Each structure stands twice: as C-alpha cells, then as structure tokens.
Amino acid sequence: MDMGRESRWEKDAMTVEIVFALVTAAVLAGVVFAVVWTLALALDLSGSTEKGVLAGGAVLGAVAGVWRLVRVLLRFDKQRRMGH
C-alpha cells in the first residue's frame, strides 16, 4: 500500500464526517433561527423591527452553523493526524 494515499476506509470516514458536519451545522442554524423567530412572534413585533430581528436571527444561525461545521471538521482532522 502507498503511504501517501488514504485507504478506502479513510476516504469513507472522511465522507461520513463531512456529511455529519454539514447536517449538524444545518440543524443548528435552523434551531437558532427558529428560536429567534419564536421570540419575534412571542414579543409580537411588527414591521421593520420584526424584519430586523429575523435578519439578525438568520445571520446568527449562519454563524452558528459555520462554527459547528469548522469545529467538527477540525476535530476530525486532529484525530486523524493522531492516528485514531
């Protein structure tokens, strides 16, 4: 076997980890946005205030999703380099 190339198992593990990272990031982003949306409905906001809060929730959800994606992939890379 070539030492510079990943085995099929390693490639499959990377694929699974990437999909896991993407799915959990999307779920986290959705949950954060849903919480902000629920708060906007509960506080009975209207007009531009509601739009601003929802836009802020969308940005906050996107940031949380990207944070989760990067965190999972960096953790996987660290474990892979350690040989686990």
C-alpha atoms as a PDB file:
ATOM      1  CA  MET A   1       0.000   0.000   0.000  1.00  0.00           C
ATOM      2  CA  ASP A   2       1.127   3.535  -0.759  1.00  0.00           C
ATOM      3  CA  MET A   3       1.943   5.501   2.399  1.00  0.00           C
ATOM      4  CA  GLY A   4       0.965   8.812   0.796  1.00  0.00           C
ATOM      5  CA  ARG A   5      -2.553   7.752  -0.112  1.00  0.00           C
ATOM      6  CA  GLU A   6      -5.637   7.239   2.006  1.00  0.00           C
ATOM      7  CA  SER A   7      -7.230   3.832   2.174  1.00  0.00           C
ATOM      8  CA  ARG A   8     -10.821   3.311   1.098  1.00  0.00           C
ATOM      9  CA  TRP A   9     -11.827   3.146   4.782  1.00  0.00           C
ATOM     10  CA  GLU A  10     -10.197   6.528   5.453  1.00  0.00           C
ATOM     11  CA  LYS A  11     -11.953   8.101   2.472  1.00  0.00           C
ATOM     12  CA  ASP A  12     -15.288   6.713   3.644  1.00  0.00           C
ATOM     13  CA  ALA A  13     -14.643   8.011   7.159  1.00  0.00           C
ATOM     14  CA  MET A  14     -13.902  11.480   5.773  1.00  0.00           C
ATOM     15  CA  THR A  15     -17.092  11.428   3.717  1.00  0.00           C
ATOM     16  CA  VAL A  16     -19.183  10.405   6.709  1.00  0.00           C
ATOM     17  CA  GLU A  17     -17.602  13.106   8.862  1.00  0.00           C
ATOM     18  CA  ILE A  18     -18.192  15.797   6.227  1.00  0.00           C
ATOM     19  CA  VAL A  19     -21.850  14.810   5.860  1.00  0.00           C
ATOM     20  CA  PHE A  20     -22.227  14.708   9.656  1.00  0.00           C
ATOM     21  CA  ALA A  21     -20.691  18.174   9.932  1.00  0.00           C
ATOM     22  CA  LEU A  22     -22.958  19.596   7.221  1.00  0.00           C
ATOM     23  CA  VAL A  23     -26.145  18.071   8.633  1.00  0.00           C
ATOM     24  CA  THR A  24     -25.471  19.108  12.224  1.00  0.00           C
ATOM     25  CA  ALA A  25     -24.478  22.600  11.083  1.00  0.00           C
ATOM     26  CA  ALA A  26     -27.723  22.953   9.130  1.00  0.00           C
ATOM     27  CA  VAL A  27     -29.778  21.685  12.067  1.00  0.00           C
ATOM     28  CA  LEU A  28     -28.049  24.063  14.480  1.00  0.00           C
ATOM     29  CA  ALA A  29     -28.566  27.009  12.129  1.00  0.00           C
ATOM     30  CA  GLY A  30     -32.246  26.095  11.771  1.00  0.00           C
ATOM     31  CA  VAL A  31     -32.742  25.767  15.512  1.00  0.00           C
ATOM     32  CA  VAL A  32     -31.096  29.127  16.215  1.00  0.00           C
ATOM     33  CA  PHE A  33     -33.258  30.819  13.576  1.00  0.00           C
ATOM     34  CA  ALA A  34     -36.400  29.080  14.886  1.00  0.00           C
ATOM     35  CA  VAL A  35     -35.685  30.304  18.412  1.00  0.00           C
ATOM     36  CA  VAL A  36     -35.264  33.892  17.198  1.00  0.00           C
ATOM     37  CA  TRP A  37     -38.407  33.605  15.070  1.00  0.00           C
ATOM     38  CA  THR A  38     -40.371  32.256  18.042  1.00  0.00           C
ATOM     39  CA  LEU A  39     -39.149  35.146  20.182  1.00  0.00           C
ATOM     40  CA  ALA A  40     -40.173  37.620  17.482  1.00  0.00           C
ATOM     41  CA  LEU A  41     -43.657  36.076  17.387  1.00  0.00           C
ATOM     42  CA  ALA A  42     -43.925  35.922  21.182  1.00  0.00           C
ATOM     43  CA  LEU A  43     -42.946  39.569  21.550  1.00  0.00           C
ATOM     44  CA  ASP A  44     -45.488  40.479  18.842  1.00  0.00           C
ATOM     45  CA  LEU A  45     -43.026  42.569  16.855  1.00  0.00           C
ATOM     46  CA  SER A  46     -44.186  44.194  13.662  1.00  0.00           C
ATOM     47  CA  GLY A  47     -42.887  45.858  10.547  1.00  0.00           C
ATOM     48  CA  SER A  48     -39.238  46.687  10.191  1.00  0.00           C
ATOM     49  CA  THR A  49     -38.440  45.618  13.764  1.00  0.00           C
ATOM     50  CA  GLU A  50     -39.603  42.076  13.030  1.00  0.00           C
ATOM     51  CA  LYS A  51     -37.654  42.015   9.759  1.00  0.00           C
ATOM     52  CA  GLY A  52     -34.534  43.241  11.550  1.00  0.00           C
ATOM     53  CA  VAL A  53     -34.832  40.625  14.273  1.00  0.00           C
ATOM     54  CA  LEU A  54     -35.393  37.870  11.689  1.00  0.00           C
ATOM     55  CA  ALA A  55     -32.408  39.074   9.657  1.00  0.00           C
ATOM     56  CA  GLY A  56     -30.310  39.067  12.820  1.00  0.00           C
ATOM     57  CA  GLY A  57     -31.559  35.552  13.581  1.00  0.00           C
ATOM     58  CA  ALA A  58     -30.613  34.406  10.095  1.00  0.00           C
ATOM     59  CA  VAL A  59     -27.104  35.839  10.493  1.00  0.00           C
ATOM     60  CA  LEU A  60     -26.761  34.347  13.970  1.00  0.00           C
ATOM     61  CA  GLY A  61     -27.947  30.968  12.657  1.00  0.00           C
ATOM     62  CA  ALA A  62     -25.491  31.099   9.777  1.00  0.00           C
ATOM     63  CA  VAL A  63     -22.618  31.959  12.113  1.00  0.00           C
ATOM     64  CA  ALA A  64     -23.572  29.127  14.468  1.00  0.00           C
ATOM     65  CA  GLY A  65     -23.768  26.707  11.530  1.00  0.00           C
ATOM     66  CA  VAL A  66     -20.372  27.673  10.177  1.00  0.00           C
ATOM     67  CA  TRP A  67     -18.886  27.445  13.684  1.00  0.00           C
ATOM     68  CA  ARG A  68     -20.272  23.912  14.060  1.00  0.00           C
ATOM     69  CA  LEU A  69     -19.012  22.872  10.625  1.00  0.00           C
ATOM     70  CA  VAL A  70     -15.485  24.135  11.254  1.00  0.00           C
ATOM     71  CA  ARG A  71     -15.379  22.703  14.787  1.00  0.00           C
ATOM     72  CA  VAL A  72     -16.396  19.195  13.683  1.00  0.00           C
ATOM     73  CA  LEU A  73     -14.009  19.121  10.731  1.00  0.00           C
ATOM     74  CA  LEU A  74     -11.058  20.436  12.749  1.00  0.00           C
ATOM     75  CA  ARG A  75     -11.724  17.880  15.483  1.00  0.00           C
ATOM     76  CA  PHE A  76     -11.835  15.094  12.878  1.00  0.00           C
ATOM     77  CA  ASP A  77      -8.606  16.292  11.276  1.00  0.00           C
ATOM     78  CA  LYS A  78      -6.873  16.419  14.655  1.00  0.00           C
ATOM     79  CA  GLN A  79      -7.990  12.859  15.459  1.00  0.00           C
ATOM     80  CA  ARG A  80      -6.957  11.664  12.008  1.00  0.00           C
ATOM     81  CA  ARG A  81      -3.481  13.151  12.396  1.00  0.00           C
ATOM     82  CA  MET A  82      -3.114  11.498  15.807  1.00  0.00           C
ATOM     83  CA  GLY A  83      -3.904   8.151  14.211  1.00  0.00           C
ATOM     84  CA  HIS A  84      -7.309   7.465  15.766  1.00  0.00           C
END
